[in-house]
Amino acid sequence: MNKTIINHAITGALVADAYALGAHWIYDETQLKNLPIDWEALNAPQAMWHKGKEKGDFTHYGDHGKWLQEYVLASGHFDPSEYASFWVKKMENYQGYIDGSSRETLEILKNNSQTLCGASSHDLSIIGRIAPLHLVSKTKEELLTNTQGFVSLTHNSPAVLKAALFFASVLFDVALGADIADTLKHTPIDPLLARAHGVAINSKGQDSFDAIRTFGPACGVEGGFEGTIHILLKFSDYKDAMIANAKAGGDNAARGMIIGMIMCAANKEIPQMWKNSVKNL
């Protein structure tokens, strides 16, 4: 696997997260359409959940994604048990938002430090953090194994695990040169997600704001899975995709990180101004 492509995919996910920060977790449609932000640039967060964050910062998703990148670059491999210890140490002094999956996983690990399965969270967000695993995965099978180990540590939900394996497979093939749309349509899908996959594939012609609001803009795989696929099918330009996704609100950072890593695995261009505005890229 070409490491330049992988690193571009990692950057694509992280910039997507920083860009989404401005409108992240804003759900009200009227508020979304009247936010005092510049959609052409990165913005400070408008939601109260990101107190202390500023323009150019990551959401907590991006922060966690950087930790995985740091770990694999230092270790040269991915070991779930080793990473669990690394992650717990990072969380000890973390000042960002601590979501439910992190709180539950920390409690589980406190009671049993040897377990490799944490919270049963159904949140989509963990999937957008997997790109660094490509740096230490020589084959698709190894990537899928590493993805399963990484995801189950904090999001041990069947739906999340199946969605993560789907997007990991898509990411691997796209990084090798496969077309995004064809790969999304023809990658094998678990029966658990088959209906959602079909609905998403058929949504390309819909208005993105309406489609994502209909699917559900919240944090879960249900809705987020469809919305992510919709944006990837509808847009071929990174910037256009990010703006449409962010404007739909809700958990746009979770969707955005997956969209960003897959688009950049296909070598889509990230706006230089956006990259320059990210503090810890």
Protein backbone atom coordinates (compact mmCIF):
# COMPACT_ATOMS: atom_id res chain seq x y z
CA MET A 1 0.00 0.00 0.00
CA ASN A 2 1.29 3.45 -0.94
CA LYS A 3 1.97 5.32 2.31
CA THR A 4 1.53 8.69 0.61
CA ILE A 5 -2.05 7.74 -0.23
CA ILE A 6 -2.67 6.44 3.29
CA ASN A 7 -1.31 9.61 4.85
CA HIS A 8 -3.51 11.68 2.53
CA ALA A 9 -6.52 9.62 3.68
CA ILE A 10 -5.59 10.26 7.32
CA THR A 11 -5.27 13.98 6.60
CA GLY A 12 -8.60 13.94 4.76
CA ALA A 13 -10.35 12.55 7.81
CA LEU A 14 -8.71 14.97 10.24
CA VAL A 15 -9.36 18.08 8.16
CA ALA A 16 -12.97 16.94 7.75
CA ASP A 17 -13.32 16.74 11.53
CA ALA A 18 -11.83 20.20 12.08
CA TYR A 19 -14.08 21.66 9.37
CA ALA A 20 -17.19 20.01 10.85
CA LEU A 21 -16.47 21.46 14.31
CA GLY A 22 -18.28 24.72 13.54
CA ALA A 23 -21.70 23.14 13.01
CA HIS A 24 -21.14 19.89 14.90
CA TRP A 25 -24.08 18.68 16.98
CA ILE A 26 -26.38 21.48 15.84
CA TYR A 27 -29.71 19.79 15.09
CA ASP A 28 -32.30 22.52 14.75
CA GLU A 29 -32.94 23.16 11.05
CA THR A 30 -33.65 26.86 11.45
CA GLN A 31 -30.52 27.33 13.53
CA LEU A 32 -28.44 25.42 10.99
CA LYS A 33 -29.58 27.66 8.18
CA ASN A 34 -28.77 30.79 10.19
CA LEU A 35 -25.47 29.89 11.84
CA PRO A 36 -23.03 32.84 12.00
CA ILE A 37 -20.24 30.91 10.29
CA ASP A 38 -18.39 30.98 6.99
CA TRP A 39 -19.04 27.68 5.19
CA GLU A 40 -16.00 28.32 3.00
CA ALA A 41 -13.63 28.13 5.98
CA LEU A 42 -13.03 26.48 9.34
CA ASN A 43 -15.04 27.92 12.23
CA ALA A 44 -15.20 27.97 16.00
CA PRO A 45 -17.80 25.56 17.43
CA GLN A 46 -21.34 26.80 17.87
CA ALA A 47 -22.51 23.94 20.13
CA MET A 48 -21.99 24.12 23.88
CA TRP A 49 -20.55 20.60 23.96
CA HIS A 50 -17.22 21.85 22.63
CA LYS A 51 -16.46 24.41 25.31
CA GLY A 52 -12.78 25.34 25.18
CA LYS A 53 -12.37 24.38 21.53
CA GLU A 54 -11.46 27.02 18.95
CA LYS A 55 -11.31 27.39 15.19
CA GLY A 56 -8.77 24.91 13.86
CA ASP A 57 -9.22 22.42 16.70
CA PHE A 58 -10.55 18.89 16.30
CA THR A 59 -13.68 17.54 17.91
CA HIS A 60 -12.98 14.73 20.38
CA TYR A 61 -13.25 12.35 17.39
CA GLY A 62 -10.27 13.95 15.71
CA ASP A 63 -8.34 13.99 18.98
CA HIS A 64 -8.86 10.24 19.36
CA GLY A 65 -7.93 9.72 15.71
CA LYS A 66 -4.63 11.52 16.29
CA TRP A 67 -3.93 9.20 19.21
CA LEU A 68 -4.29 6.13 17.00
CA GLN A 69 -1.99 7.72 14.43
CA GLU A 70 0.56 8.49 17.16
CA TYR A 71 0.37 4.94 18.47
CA VAL A 72 0.87 3.14 15.14
CA LEU A 73 3.68 5.46 14.08
CA ALA A 74 5.52 4.81 17.34
CA SER A 75 4.86 1.07 17.57
CA GLY A 76 4.85 0.00 13.92
CA HIS A 77 1.95 -2.36 14.55
CA PHE A 78 -1.49 -2.58 16.11
CA ASP A 79 -2.03 -4.64 19.24
CA PRO A 80 -5.49 -4.15 20.82
CA SER A 81 -4.32 -4.78 24.38
CA GLU A 82 -1.33 -2.48 24.00
CA TYR A 83 -3.48 0.21 22.42
CA ALA A 84 -6.06 -0.07 25.20
CA SER A 85 -3.39 0.81 27.76
CA PHE A 86 -2.15 3.66 25.55
CA TRP A 87 -5.70 5.01 25.13
CA VAL A 88 -6.48 4.84 28.87
CA LYS A 89 -3.37 6.91 29.63
CA LYS A 90 -4.42 9.50 27.06
CA MET A 91 -7.87 9.70 28.60
CA GLU A 92 -6.50 10.33 32.10
CA ASN A 93 -5.69 13.96 31.34
CA TYR A 94 -8.03 14.60 28.42
CA GLN A 95 -9.80 17.97 28.60
CA GLY A 96 -12.15 17.52 25.63
CA TYR A 97 -15.66 16.13 25.58
CA ILE A 98 -15.88 12.60 27.00
CA ASP A 99 -18.69 10.78 25.24
CA GLY A 100 -20.74 7.85 26.49
CA SER A 101 -18.71 5.16 24.75
CA SER A 102 -15.49 6.46 26.32
CA ARG A 103 -17.00 6.70 29.80
CA GLU A 104 -18.47 3.20 29.60
CA THR A 105 -15.27 1.71 28.18
CA LEU A 106 -13.14 3.28 30.89
CA GLU A 107 -15.41 1.76 33.52
CA ILE A 108 -15.24 -1.66 31.86
CA LEU A 109 -11.44 -1.53 31.64
CA LYS A 110 -11.22 -0.37 35.25
CA ASN A 111 -13.03 -3.53 36.32
CA ASN A 112 -11.23 -5.81 33.86
CA SER A 113 -8.07 -4.41 32.31
CA GLN A 114 -7.61 -7.55 30.19
CA THR A 115 -10.82 -7.23 28.22
CA LEU A 116 -10.66 -6.14 24.60
CA CYS A 117 -14.37 -5.39 24.28
CA GLY A 118 -15.68 -2.14 25.67
CA ALA A 119 -18.89 -0.14 25.39
CA SER A 120 -21.79 -1.35 23.29
CA SER A 121 -22.09 2.09 21.68
CA HIS A 122 -23.79 2.22 18.29
CA ASP A 123 -22.12 5.53 17.34
CA LEU A 124 -20.76 5.89 13.82
CA SER A 125 -17.84 8.08 14.84
CA ILE A 126 -15.31 5.35 15.60
CA ILE A 127 -15.22 4.33 11.92
CA GLY A 128 -13.75 7.64 10.76
CA ARG A 129 -10.66 7.03 12.88
CA ILE A 130 -9.49 3.79 11.24
CA ALA A 131 -7.29 5.21 8.45
CA PRO A 132 -4.01 4.99 10.46
CA LEU A 133 -4.50 1.23 10.71
CA HIS A 134 -3.60 1.06 7.00
CA LEU A 135 -0.06 2.06 7.91
CA VAL A 136 0.41 -1.25 9.71
CA SER A 137 -1.84 -3.53 7.62
CA LYS A 138 -0.22 -5.24 4.63
CA THR A 139 -3.36 -6.99 3.37
CA LYS A 140 -7.09 -6.34 3.41
CA GLU A 141 -7.54 -9.28 5.78
CA GLU A 142 -5.04 -7.75 8.21
CA LEU A 143 -6.78 -4.39 7.96
CA LEU A 144 -10.16 -5.95 8.70
CA THR A 145 -8.71 -7.80 11.70
CA ASN A 146 -7.11 -4.61 13.02
CA THR A 147 -10.31 -2.65 12.39
CA GLN A 148 -12.35 -5.19 14.36
CA GLY A 149 -9.91 -5.03 17.28
CA PHE A 150 -9.80 -1.24 17.30
CA VAL A 151 -13.53 -0.66 16.96
CA SER A 152 -14.65 -3.27 19.49
CA LEU A 153 -12.49 -1.67 22.18
CA THR A 154 -14.89 1.27 22.52
CA HIS A 155 -17.85 0.51 20.21
CA ASN A 156 -18.63 -3.19 20.58
CA SER A 157 -21.92 -3.09 18.70
CA PRO A 158 -22.72 -5.59 15.90
CA ALA A 159 -24.03 -2.84 13.62
CA VAL A 160 -20.97 -0.64 14.18
CA LEU A 161 -18.57 -3.53 13.65
CA LYS A 162 -20.28 -4.55 10.39
CA ALA A 163 -20.33 -0.94 9.14
CA ALA A 164 -16.67 -0.50 10.10
CA LEU A 165 -15.64 -3.60 8.16
CA PHE A 166 -17.61 -2.39 5.16
CA PHE A 167 -15.97 1.03 5.11
CA ALA A 168 -12.52 -0.46 5.85
CA SER A 169 -12.90 -2.71 2.80
CA VAL A 170 -14.05 0.25 0.68
CA LEU A 171 -11.12 2.33 1.91
CA PHE A 172 -8.60 -0.40 1.12
CA ASP A 173 -9.87 -0.89 -2.43
CA VAL A 174 -10.19 2.83 -3.18
CA ALA A 175 -6.62 3.37 -1.97
CA LEU A 176 -5.55 0.80 -4.55
CA GLY A 177 -7.28 2.75 -7.31
CA ALA A 178 -10.86 1.48 -7.34
CA ASP A 179 -13.68 3.91 -8.15
CA ILE A 180 -15.50 5.18 -5.07
CA ALA A 181 -19.05 4.76 -6.41
CA ASP A 182 -18.46 1.30 -7.87
CA THR A 183 -16.76 0.15 -4.67
CA LEU A 184 -19.58 1.43 -2.47
CA LYS A 185 -22.13 -0.33 -4.64
CA HIS A 186 -20.35 -3.68 -5.00
CA THR A 187 -18.52 -4.25 -1.70
CA PRO A 188 -20.22 -7.16 0.11
CA ILE A 189 -22.62 -5.94 2.77
CA ASP A 190 -23.76 -7.81 5.88
CA PRO A 191 -27.50 -8.59 5.98
CA LEU A 192 -27.74 -6.41 9.08
CA LEU A 193 -27.02 -3.35 6.91
CA ALA A 194 -28.42 -4.51 3.57
CA ARG A 195 -31.61 -2.45 3.67
CA ALA A 196 -29.79 0.72 4.77
CA HIS A 197 -27.21 0.16 2.04
CA GLY A 198 -29.87 -0.15 -0.64
CA VAL A 199 -31.67 2.99 0.50
CA ALA A 200 -28.39 4.92 0.56
CA ILE A 201 -27.36 3.78 -2.92
CA ASN A 202 -30.71 4.92 -4.31
CA SER A 203 -30.52 8.37 -2.68
CA LYS A 204 -27.94 9.99 -4.95
CA GLY A 205 -30.49 12.14 -6.77
CA GLN A 206 -31.99 13.57 -3.58
CA ASP A 207 -31.14 16.92 -2.01
CA SER A 208 -28.40 16.20 0.54
CA PHE A 209 -29.88 18.24 3.37
CA ASP A 210 -33.24 16.52 2.99
CA ALA A 211 -31.72 13.08 2.54
CA ILE A 212 -29.56 13.26 5.66
CA ARG A 213 -32.38 14.72 7.74
CA THR A 214 -34.65 11.90 6.54
CA PHE A 215 -32.08 9.18 7.23
CA GLY A 216 -31.40 10.71 10.63
CA PRO A 217 -28.53 13.12 11.35
CA ALA A 218 -27.72 11.81 14.83
CA CYS A 219 -24.70 9.88 16.11
CA GLY A 220 -25.78 6.31 15.45
CA VAL A 221 -24.92 3.99 12.59
CA GLU A 222 -28.63 3.95 11.80
CA GLY A 223 -28.95 7.04 9.62
CA GLY A 224 -25.29 7.96 9.71
CA PHE A 225 -24.35 5.00 7.54
CA GLU A 226 -26.82 6.03 4.85
CA GLY A 227 -25.92 9.71 5.02
CA THR A 228 -22.24 8.97 4.59
CA ILE A 229 -22.79 6.83 1.53
CA HIS A 230 -25.15 9.43 0.07
CA ILE A 231 -22.51 12.18 0.21
CA LEU A 232 -19.79 9.91 -1.18
CA LEU A 233 -22.00 9.04 -4.16
CA LYS A 234 -23.30 12.55 -4.82
CA PHE A 235 -20.07 14.54 -4.74
CA SER A 236 -16.71 14.13 -6.45
CA ASP A 237 -15.11 17.24 -4.92
CA TYR A 238 -13.83 17.15 -1.32
CA LYS A 239 -14.81 20.72 -0.48
CA ASP A 240 -18.32 20.41 -1.94
CA ALA A 241 -18.87 17.16 -0.06
CA MET A 242 -17.72 18.66 3.24
CA ILE A 243 -19.93 21.73 2.93
CA ALA A 244 -23.04 19.71 2.06
CA ASN A 245 -22.37 17.27 4.89
CA ALA A 246 -21.68 20.00 7.47
CA LYS A 247 -24.77 21.99 6.52
CA ALA A 248 -26.95 18.97 7.33
CA GLY A 249 -25.83 19.25 10.97
CA GLY A 250 -26.17 16.60 13.62
CA ASP A 251 -23.14 14.38 13.86
CA ASN A 252 -21.56 15.79 10.73
CA ALA A 253 -18.06 15.16 12.12
CA ALA A 254 -18.64 11.39 12.28
CA ARG A 255 -19.94 11.29 8.72
CA GLY A 256 -17.30 13.76 7.56
CA MET A 257 -14.30 11.78 8.78
CA ILE A 258 -15.40 8.69 6.84
CA ILE A 259 -16.17 10.76 3.76
CA GLY A 260 -12.84 12.55 4.05
CA MET A 261 -10.69 9.46 4.40
CA ILE A 262 -12.33 7.67 1.47
CA MET A 263 -12.28 10.70 -0.84
CA CYS A 264 -8.62 11.34 -0.05
CA ALA A 265 -7.77 7.68 -0.55
CA ALA A 266 -8.95 8.46 -4.08
CA ASN A 267 -6.53 11.41 -4.09
CA LYS A 268 -9.16 14.15 -3.93
CA GLU A 269 -7.73 17.57 -3.17
CA ILE A 270 -8.18 19.20 0.23
CA PRO A 271 -8.45 23.01 0.23
CA GLN A 272 -5.02 24.29 1.24
CA MET A 273 -6.56 27.06 3.34
CA TRP A 274 -8.38 24.44 5.39
CA LYS A 275 -5.23 22.41 5.93
CA ASN A 276 -3.33 25.53 6.96
CA SER A 277 -6.04 26.35 9.51
CA VAL A 278 -5.87 23.04 11.37
CA LYS A 279 -3.76 23.38 14.50
CA ASN A 280 -2.53 19.84 15.11
CA LEU A 281 -2.53 18.19 11.70
